[in-house]
Amino acid sequence: MIWGLRANKFNLYKEPTDDEIVFYKELEEIQAMAAKAQGGNPQVSTSTSILPPPTPSHF
């Protein structure tokens, strides 16, 4: 019998814990406040977000 490779593929992705999510959101808020205090753009771009990527849905 031939087994599909996708089912046996090793994946390093790990769901972030609630504590990690809170930590990264607070860190982004601090970065936004620091940028605003320096006269920069207070909005943190989603392309530079430090939050972990979402769970891949194609598996």
N, C-alpha and C. Protein backbone atom coordinates (compact mmCIF):
# COMPACT_ATOMS: atom_id res chain seq x y z
N MET A 1 0.84 -1.18 0.00
CA MET A 1 0.00 0.00 0.00
C MET A 1 0.89 1.25 0.00
N ILE A 2 0.54 2.25 -0.78
CA ILE A 2 1.30 3.50 -0.88
C ILE A 2 0.67 4.53 0.05
N TRP A 3 1.47 5.07 0.94
CA TRP A 3 0.98 6.08 1.87
C TRP A 3 1.23 7.47 1.28
N GLY A 4 0.28 8.37 1.46
CA GLY A 4 0.44 9.74 1.00
C GLY A 4 1.50 10.46 1.83
N LEU A 5 2.35 11.20 1.17
CA LEU A 5 3.42 11.91 1.87
C LEU A 5 2.90 13.05 2.72
N ARG A 6 1.82 13.67 2.31
CA ARG A 6 1.30 14.81 3.07
C ARG A 6 0.88 14.42 4.48
N ALA A 7 0.35 13.26 4.66
CA ALA A 7 -0.09 12.83 5.98
C ALA A 7 1.08 12.61 6.92
N ASN A 8 2.24 12.29 6.38
CA ASN A 8 3.41 12.00 7.21
C ASN A 8 4.41 13.15 7.26
N LYS A 9 4.07 14.28 6.66
CA LYS A 9 4.99 15.41 6.61
C LYS A 9 5.15 16.05 8.00
N PHE A 10 6.37 16.30 8.39
CA PHE A 10 6.65 16.95 9.66
C PHE A 10 6.40 18.44 9.53
N ASN A 11 5.72 19.03 10.50
CA ASN A 11 5.37 20.43 10.45
C ASN A 11 5.88 21.12 11.72
N LEU A 12 6.64 22.20 11.55
CA LEU A 12 7.16 22.95 12.69
C LEU A 12 6.20 24.00 13.22
N TYR A 13 5.08 24.22 12.54
CA TYR A 13 4.15 25.25 12.98
C TYR A 13 3.54 24.89 14.33
N LYS A 14 3.45 25.88 15.21
CA LYS A 14 2.86 25.70 16.53
C LYS A 14 1.84 26.81 16.74
N GLU A 15 0.65 26.46 17.18
CA GLU A 15 -0.35 27.48 17.50
C GLU A 15 0.18 28.36 18.62
N PRO A 16 0.05 29.69 18.49
CA PRO A 16 0.51 30.55 19.58
C PRO A 16 -0.40 30.39 20.80
N THR A 17 0.18 30.50 21.97
CA THR A 17 -0.61 30.43 23.19
C THR A 17 -1.31 31.76 23.40
N ASP A 18 -2.30 31.79 24.27
CA ASP A 18 -3.00 33.03 24.58
C ASP A 18 -2.03 34.06 25.14
N ASP A 19 -1.09 33.61 25.98
CA ASP A 19 -0.10 34.52 26.55
C ASP A 19 0.78 35.15 25.47
N GLU A 20 1.16 34.35 24.47
CA GLU A 20 1.98 34.88 23.38
C GLU A 20 1.21 35.91 22.56
N ILE A 21 -0.07 35.66 22.31
CA ILE A 21 -0.89 36.60 21.55
C ILE A 21 -1.00 37.91 22.30
N VAL A 22 -1.28 37.85 23.60
CA VAL A 22 -1.38 39.07 24.41
C VAL A 22 -0.05 39.81 24.40
N PHE A 23 1.05 39.09 24.57
CA PHE A 23 2.38 39.70 24.58
C PHE A 23 2.66 40.46 23.28
N TYR A 24 2.40 39.81 22.12
CA TYR A 24 2.69 40.44 20.84
C TYR A 24 1.77 41.64 20.58
N LYS A 25 0.51 41.57 21.00
CA LYS A 25 -0.40 42.71 20.83
C LYS A 25 0.07 43.89 21.68
N GLU A 26 0.47 43.61 22.93
CA GLU A 26 0.98 44.69 23.78
C GLU A 26 2.26 45.28 23.21
N LEU A 27 3.12 44.44 22.67
CA LEU A 27 4.36 44.92 22.07
C LEU A 27 4.07 45.82 20.87
N GLU A 28 3.09 45.45 20.05
CA GLU A 28 2.73 46.29 18.90
C GLU A 28 2.16 47.63 19.36
N GLU A 29 1.38 47.62 20.46
CA GLU A 29 0.85 48.87 20.99
C GLU A 29 1.97 49.78 21.48
N ILE A 30 2.96 49.18 22.14
CA ILE A 30 4.11 49.96 22.62
C ILE A 30 4.88 50.55 21.44
N GLN A 31 5.08 49.74 20.38
CA GLN A 31 5.77 50.24 19.19
C GLN A 31 5.00 51.38 18.54
N ALA A 32 3.67 51.28 18.51
CA ALA A 32 2.85 52.33 17.91
C ALA A 32 2.94 53.61 18.75
N MET A 33 2.92 53.47 20.08
CA MET A 33 3.04 54.65 20.95
C MET A 33 4.41 55.30 20.78
N ALA A 34 5.47 54.49 20.68
CA ALA A 34 6.82 55.02 20.50
C ALA A 34 6.93 55.75 19.17
N ALA A 35 6.34 55.19 18.11
CA ALA A 35 6.39 55.83 16.80
C ALA A 35 5.62 57.15 16.83
N LYS A 36 4.48 57.17 17.51
CA LYS A 36 3.68 58.39 17.61
C LYS A 36 4.45 59.46 18.41
N ALA A 37 5.13 59.04 19.48
CA ALA A 37 5.90 59.98 20.31
C ALA A 37 7.06 60.58 19.53
N GLN A 38 7.58 59.85 18.55
CA GLN A 38 8.69 60.34 17.74
C GLN A 38 8.20 61.07 16.50
N GLY A 39 6.88 61.23 16.39
CA GLY A 39 6.34 61.94 15.24
C GLY A 39 6.12 61.07 14.03
N GLY A 40 6.25 59.78 14.20
CA GLY A 40 6.05 58.85 13.08
C GLY A 40 4.60 58.43 12.97
N ASN A 41 4.36 57.48 12.11
CA ASN A 41 3.02 56.96 11.89
C ASN A 41 2.66 56.03 13.05
N PRO A 42 1.57 56.31 13.80
CA PRO A 42 1.23 55.47 14.94
C PRO A 42 0.65 54.11 14.55
N GLN A 43 0.29 53.94 13.30
CA GLN A 43 -0.28 52.67 12.85
C GLN A 43 0.85 51.70 12.51
N VAL A 44 0.77 50.50 13.04
CA VAL A 44 1.76 49.47 12.72
C VAL A 44 1.26 48.75 11.49
N SER A 45 2.06 48.71 10.47
CA SER A 45 1.69 48.04 9.23
C SER A 45 1.54 46.55 9.46
N THR A 46 0.53 45.95 8.82
CA THR A 46 0.35 44.50 8.97
C THR A 46 1.48 43.75 8.29
N SER A 47 2.16 44.38 7.34
CA SER A 47 3.27 43.69 6.68
C SER A 47 4.49 43.62 7.58
N THR A 48 4.55 44.48 8.62
CA THR A 48 5.67 44.43 9.55
C THR A 48 5.24 43.90 10.90
N SER A 49 4.07 43.32 10.97
CA SER A 49 3.55 42.78 12.22
C SER A 49 4.47 41.69 12.75
N ILE A 50 4.61 41.64 14.06
CA ILE A 50 5.45 40.62 14.65
C ILE A 50 4.62 39.44 15.15
N LEU A 51 3.31 39.49 14.94
CA LEU A 51 2.48 38.35 15.31
C LEU A 51 2.81 37.15 14.44
N PRO A 52 2.72 35.97 15.00
CA PRO A 52 2.98 34.79 14.18
C PRO A 52 1.97 34.67 13.05
N PRO A 53 2.33 34.02 11.96
CA PRO A 53 1.39 33.90 10.84
C PRO A 53 0.19 33.03 11.21
N PRO A 54 -0.95 33.22 10.54
CA PRO A 54 -2.11 32.38 10.83
C PRO A 54 -1.86 30.92 10.45
N THR A 55 -2.70 30.07 10.99
CA THR A 55 -2.59 28.64 10.70
C THR A 55 -2.85 28.39 9.22
N PRO A 56 -1.99 27.64 8.56
CA PRO A 56 -2.24 27.32 7.15
C PRO A 56 -3.53 26.50 7.02
N SER A 57 -4.39 26.85 6.08
CA SER A 57 -5.67 26.17 5.95
C SER A 57 -5.66 25.15 4.82
N HIS A 58 -4.58 25.04 4.07
CA HIS A 58 -4.55 24.15 2.92
C HIS A 58 -4.07 22.73 3.27
N PHE A 59 -3.88 22.43 4.54
CA PHE A 59 -3.41 21.08 4.91
C PHE A 59 -4.57 20.23 5.28
